């Protein structure tokens, strides 16, 4: 028994070393990517959506760890104010769009209206329908203004979400993540699935496609999101040979094809 435990521990240690080595190489390339964004005056906007506990926070923190804080911004907006509720829906997000030479990562975005607001009744049916019509128009405006928009949806299974939410409640360092919405995430699993499917189908366009990340394995998800992100911008890589994202982990959403999304 002790031998088996030792072997399992050694295997985990080896996997962690491989992960750290690959991540270090990808960090070097991310720095090269940022230099290209700055030199060319690009405006890179990366949207992260997904179920509660899907790993958005950890993925974003991993990406920005060695990037310049001056040209990198992470945006995670809270509950809208009364004035923001009385304004054009996209207005509160417009103030956080990237300028030339900047990389902005949105930890949730205007797609709140297609997810939590839809499921929890924080918006009307008319507002939700209008959003699905208007979001592609808004994103096409961004593209025509020079914004490079990349959209990721991190998908996890119900079993994995339940385990992560339970672990979150026990972790003293994750208490800030806990909210009443956590319980609703599990109770309304099917409702969130339907809302997700409607959102992806209505807002997946040639100019602003959705990329699905199967994120039950956090390390694999992070590595492959970075690989995919690096492939979205043509730049001189730090290494001539870049590993492509694993299509089993990261794939382009295809409305017409059978979906591997969690049900």
Protein backbone atom coordinates (compact mmCIF):
# COMPACT_ATOMS: atom_id res chain seq x y z
CA UNK A 1 0.00 0.00 0.00
CA UNK A 2 2.79 2.40 0.92
CA UNK A 3 4.50 1.60 -2.38
CA UNK A 4 1.34 2.48 -4.32
CA UNK A 5 0.95 5.76 -2.46
CA UNK A 6 4.59 6.62 -3.11
CA UNK A 7 4.17 5.82 -6.79
CA UNK A 8 1.06 7.97 -7.08
CA UNK A 9 2.79 10.86 -5.32
CA UNK A 10 5.79 10.56 -7.63
CA UNK A 11 3.52 10.55 -10.66
CA UNK A 12 1.75 13.69 -9.47
CA UNK A 13 5.08 15.36 -8.82
CA UNK A 14 6.29 14.49 -12.31
CA UNK A 15 3.08 15.82 -13.90
CA UNK A 16 3.44 19.05 -11.93
CA UNK A 17 7.02 19.50 -13.17
CA UNK A 18 5.91 19.00 -16.77
CA UNK A 19 3.10 21.50 -16.27
CA UNK A 20 5.45 24.12 -14.80
CA UNK A 21 7.97 23.63 -17.58
CA UNK A 22 5.36 24.01 -20.31
CA UNK A 23 3.81 26.97 -18.54
CA UNK A 24 7.17 28.72 -18.24
CA UNK A 25 7.70 28.38 -22.01
CA UNK A 26 4.23 29.75 -22.67
CA UNK A 27 4.82 32.69 -20.34
CA UNK A 28 7.88 33.60 -22.42
CA UNK A 29 5.72 33.58 -25.53
CA UNK A 30 3.01 35.65 -23.86
CA UNK A 31 5.62 38.32 -23.09
CA UNK A 32 6.65 38.22 -26.75
CA UNK A 33 3.01 38.53 -27.75
CA UNK A 34 2.55 41.56 -25.51
CA UNK A 35 5.64 43.23 -26.98
CA UNK A 36 4.10 42.73 -30.42
CA UNK A 37 0.77 44.20 -29.25
CA UNK A 38 2.58 47.24 -27.87
CA UNK A 39 4.88 47.72 -30.88
CA UNK A 40 2.06 47.40 -33.41
CA UNK A 41 -0.51 49.34 -31.39
CA UNK A 42 -2.98 46.46 -31.35
CA UNK A 43 -6.08 46.42 -29.17
CA UNK A 44 -6.54 42.90 -27.78
CA UNK A 45 -9.73 42.07 -25.88
CA UNK A 46 -10.18 38.60 -24.36
CA UNK A 47 -13.58 37.64 -22.97
CA UNK A 48 -13.93 34.82 -20.45
CA UNK A 49 -17.34 33.34 -19.78
CA UNK A 50 -18.43 30.06 -18.24
CA UNK A 51 -20.30 28.41 -15.43
CA UNK A 52 -19.59 29.31 -11.80
CA UNK A 53 -16.33 27.67 -10.66
CA UNK A 54 -15.31 26.93 -14.24
CA UNK A 55 -11.82 28.36 -13.65
CA UNK A 56 -12.01 31.83 -15.16
CA UNK A 57 -10.16 33.49 -12.26
CA UNK A 58 -7.30 31.01 -12.27
CA UNK A 59 -6.91 31.04 -16.04
CA UNK A 60 -6.78 34.83 -16.19
CA UNK A 61 -4.30 35.03 -13.30
CA UNK A 62 -2.08 32.51 -15.07
CA UNK A 63 -2.14 34.48 -18.32
CA UNK A 64 -1.29 37.88 -16.81
CA UNK A 65 1.27 36.74 -14.23
CA UNK A 66 4.31 37.98 -16.17
CA UNK A 67 2.69 40.60 -18.39
CA UNK A 68 3.30 44.31 -17.98
CA UNK A 69 0.69 45.72 -15.57
CA UNK A 70 0.87 49.05 -17.37
CA UNK A 71 -0.46 47.65 -20.65
CA UNK A 72 -2.58 44.84 -19.18
CA UNK A 73 -5.94 45.22 -17.46
CA UNK A 74 -8.22 42.62 -15.91
CA UNK A 75 -11.82 43.78 -15.68
CA UNK A 76 -14.36 42.09 -13.39
CA UNK A 77 -17.31 44.39 -12.91
CA UNK A 78 -19.69 43.98 -10.00
CA UNK A 79 -23.40 44.63 -9.71
CA UNK A 80 -24.43 47.61 -11.87
CA UNK A 81 -25.34 50.86 -10.17
CA UNK A 82 -28.74 52.49 -10.53
CA UNK A 83 -27.29 54.87 -13.10
CA UNK A 84 -25.74 52.01 -15.08
CA UNK A 85 -29.08 50.20 -15.04
CA UNK A 86 -30.63 53.35 -16.49
CA UNK A 87 -28.01 53.59 -19.28
CA UNK A 88 -27.41 51.79 -22.58
CA UNK A 89 -26.63 48.21 -21.59
CA UNK A 90 -23.20 48.09 -23.25
CA UNK A 91 -22.18 51.49 -21.90
CA UNK A 92 -20.55 50.26 -18.68
CA UNK A 93 -18.33 47.91 -20.67
CA UNK A 94 -17.31 50.48 -23.27
CA UNK A 95 -15.23 52.40 -20.72
CA UNK A 96 -13.01 49.37 -20.23
CA UNK A 97 -12.21 48.55 -23.85
CA UNK A 98 -8.50 48.40 -24.77
CA UNK A 99 -6.67 51.35 -26.27
CA UNK A 100 -3.79 50.84 -28.72
CA UNK A 101 -1.06 48.68 -27.24
CA UNK A 102 -3.26 47.26 -24.50
CA UNK A 103 -4.48 43.79 -23.56
CA UNK A 104 -7.76 43.68 -21.63
CA UNK A 105 -9.18 40.48 -20.15
CA UNK A 106 -12.84 40.46 -19.10
CA UNK A 107 -13.71 38.13 -16.24
CA UNK A 108 -17.34 37.91 -17.33
CA UNK A 109 -18.67 40.52 -19.68
CA UNK A 110 -21.81 41.86 -21.31
CA UNK A 111 -22.80 38.20 -21.59
CA UNK A 112 -24.06 38.40 -18.01
CA UNK A 113 -27.38 39.27 -19.62
CA UNK A 114 -27.44 35.95 -21.48
CA UNK A 115 -26.44 33.94 -18.40
CA UNK A 116 -27.09 34.86 -14.79
CA UNK A 117 -29.48 37.71 -15.60
CA UNK A 118 -31.55 35.45 -17.84
CA UNK A 119 -31.62 32.50 -15.42
CA UNK A 120 -32.14 34.48 -12.21
CA UNK A 121 -34.73 36.83 -13.68
CA UNK A 122 -32.60 39.97 -13.39
CA UNK A 123 -33.68 41.05 -16.88
CA UNK A 124 -36.93 40.79 -18.81
CA UNK A 125 -37.55 38.41 -21.69
CA UNK A 126 -37.58 41.40 -24.04
CA UNK A 127 -34.23 42.64 -22.71
CA UNK A 128 -32.72 39.19 -23.14
CA UNK A 129 -34.02 38.85 -26.69
CA UNK A 130 -32.78 42.32 -27.57
CA UNK A 131 -29.35 41.48 -26.18
CA UNK A 132 -28.99 38.38 -28.34
CA UNK A 133 -29.78 40.53 -31.37
CA UNK A 134 -27.54 43.43 -30.39
CA UNK A 135 -24.43 41.69 -29.07
CA UNK A 136 -23.18 40.61 -32.54
CA UNK A 137 -23.74 44.16 -33.79
CA UNK A 138 -21.78 45.61 -30.86
CA UNK A 139 -18.95 43.13 -31.41
CA UNK A 140 -18.84 43.90 -35.12
CA UNK A 141 -18.44 47.57 -34.21
CA UNK A 142 -15.51 46.61 -31.99
CA UNK A 143 -13.91 44.64 -34.79
CA UNK A 144 -14.29 47.49 -37.27
CA UNK A 145 -12.69 49.85 -34.75
CA UNK A 146 -9.60 47.64 -34.70
CA UNK A 147 -10.27 45.55 -31.58
CA UNK A 148 -9.02 41.97 -31.77
CA UNK A 149 -11.79 40.13 -29.91
CA UNK A 150 -11.31 36.60 -28.56
CA UNK A 151 -14.17 34.88 -26.70
CA UNK A 152 -13.75 31.80 -24.49
CA UNK A 153 -16.48 29.81 -22.81
CA UNK A 154 -15.12 27.55 -20.05
CA UNK A 155 -17.33 24.50 -19.70
CA UNK A 156 -17.31 22.00 -16.83
CA UNK A 157 -19.44 19.02 -15.89
CA UNK A 158 -22.05 19.14 -13.15
CA UNK A 159 -20.00 16.74 -11.03
CA UNK A 160 -16.92 18.93 -11.31
CA UNK A 161 -18.85 22.11 -10.51
CA UNK A 162 -20.34 20.51 -7.40
CA UNK A 163 -16.88 19.41 -6.21
CA UNK A 164 -15.32 22.83 -6.83
CA UNK A 165 -18.11 24.73 -5.07
CA UNK A 166 -17.82 22.42 -2.07
CA UNK A 167 -14.04 22.91 -1.96
CA UNK A 168 -14.53 26.67 -2.21
CA UNK A 169 -16.68 26.71 0.91
CA UNK A 170 -13.95 24.94 2.88
CA UNK A 171 -11.04 27.04 1.63
CA UNK A 172 -10.39 30.13 3.81
CA UNK A 173 -8.58 31.78 0.89
CA UNK A 174 -11.61 31.46 -1.40
CA UNK A 175 -14.25 32.96 0.88
CA UNK A 176 -14.51 36.06 -1.28
CA UNK A 177 -15.80 33.89 -4.13
CA UNK A 178 -18.77 32.55 -2.17
CA UNK A 179 -22.18 34.05 -3.00
CA UNK A 180 -25.85 33.05 -2.96
CA UNK A 181 -25.51 32.49 -6.71
CA UNK A 182 -23.37 29.40 -5.97
CA UNK A 183 -26.34 27.40 -4.72
CA UNK A 184 -28.42 28.61 -7.65
CA UNK A 185 -25.74 27.42 -10.07
CA UNK A 186 -26.39 23.81 -9.12
CA UNK A 187 -30.13 24.15 -8.59
CA UNK A 188 -30.55 25.77 -12.02
CA UNK A 189 -28.04 23.61 -13.91
CA UNK A 190 -30.45 22.83 -16.76
CA UNK A 191 -31.61 26.43 -16.99
CA UNK A 192 -28.00 27.58 -17.29
CA UNK A 193 -27.39 24.94 -19.95
CA UNK A 194 -30.33 26.21 -22.01
CA UNK A 195 -29.25 29.82 -21.57
CA UNK A 196 -25.69 28.92 -22.58
CA UNK A 197 -26.84 27.12 -25.70
CA UNK A 198 -29.04 30.04 -26.77
CA UNK A 199 -26.23 32.51 -26.12
CA UNK A 200 -23.62 30.58 -28.08
CA UNK A 201 -25.90 29.93 -31.04
CA UNK A 202 -27.10 33.54 -31.29
CA UNK A 203 -23.74 35.28 -30.78
CA UNK A 204 -21.28 32.96 -32.55
CA UNK A 205 -20.37 34.84 -35.73
CA UNK A 206 -17.53 34.62 -38.28
CA UNK A 207 -16.08 37.88 -36.94
CA UNK A 208 -16.54 37.04 -33.26
CA UNK A 209 -16.62 33.25 -32.86
CA UNK A 210 -16.88 31.39 -29.58
CA UNK A 211 -14.15 29.01 -28.47
CA UNK A 212 -15.20 26.28 -26.05
CA UNK A 213 -12.76 25.16 -23.35
CA UNK A 214 -13.45 21.82 -21.68
CA UNK A 215 -12.13 22.80 -18.28
CA UNK A 216 -12.60 19.89 -15.87
CA UNK A 217 -8.80 19.62 -15.74
CA UNK A 218 -7.62 23.08 -14.66
CA UNK A 219 -4.00 22.67 -15.75
CA UNK A 220 -4.84 21.37 -19.19
CA UNK A 221 -7.41 24.13 -19.62
CA UNK A 222 -4.91 26.87 -18.74
CA UNK A 223 -2.16 25.55 -20.96
CA UNK A 224 -4.44 25.13 -23.93
CA UNK A 225 -6.18 28.48 -23.57
CA UNK A 226 -2.76 30.15 -23.67
CA UNK A 227 -1.72 28.10 -26.71
CA UNK A 228 -4.92 29.06 -28.48
CA UNK A 229 -4.58 32.73 -27.54
CA UNK A 230 -1.02 32.81 -28.86
CA UNK A 231 -2.26 31.47 -32.18
CA UNK A 232 -4.84 34.27 -32.55
CA UNK A 233 -2.29 37.03 -33.18
CA UNK A 234 0.40 36.82 -35.82
CA UNK A 235 3.64 37.60 -34.02
CA UNK A 236 7.22 36.41 -33.91
CA UNK A 237 7.16 33.59 -31.39
CA UNK A 238 9.84 33.19 -28.78
CA UNK A 239 10.20 29.61 -29.99
CA UNK A 240 10.02 28.49 -33.61
CA UNK A 241 8.02 25.39 -32.71
CA UNK A 242 4.78 26.15 -30.92
CA UNK A 243 2.49 23.41 -29.69
CA UNK A 244 -1.04 23.83 -30.92
CA UNK A 245 -3.96 23.73 -28.54
CA UNK A 246 -5.36 20.25 -27.98
CA UNK A 247 -8.67 20.07 -29.92
CA UNK A 248 -10.03 17.77 -27.22
CA UNK A 249 -9.68 20.65 -24.75
CA UNK A 250 -10.17 23.75 -26.91
CA UNK A 251 -12.50 23.77 -29.90
CA UNK A 252 -14.37 26.26 -32.01
CA UNK A 253 -18.09 26.27 -31.29
CA UNK A 254 -20.06 24.84 -34.18
CA UNK A 255 -23.85 25.35 -34.02
CA UNK A 256 -24.57 22.81 -36.74
CA UNK A 257 -22.43 20.00 -35.32
CA UNK A 258 -23.09 17.72 -32.34
CA UNK A 259 -21.94 19.54 -29.21
CA UNK A 260 -19.65 18.15 -26.51
CA UNK A 261 -20.90 20.71 -24.01
CA UNK A 262 -21.79 19.48 -20.53
CA UNK A 263 -25.48 18.62 -20.09
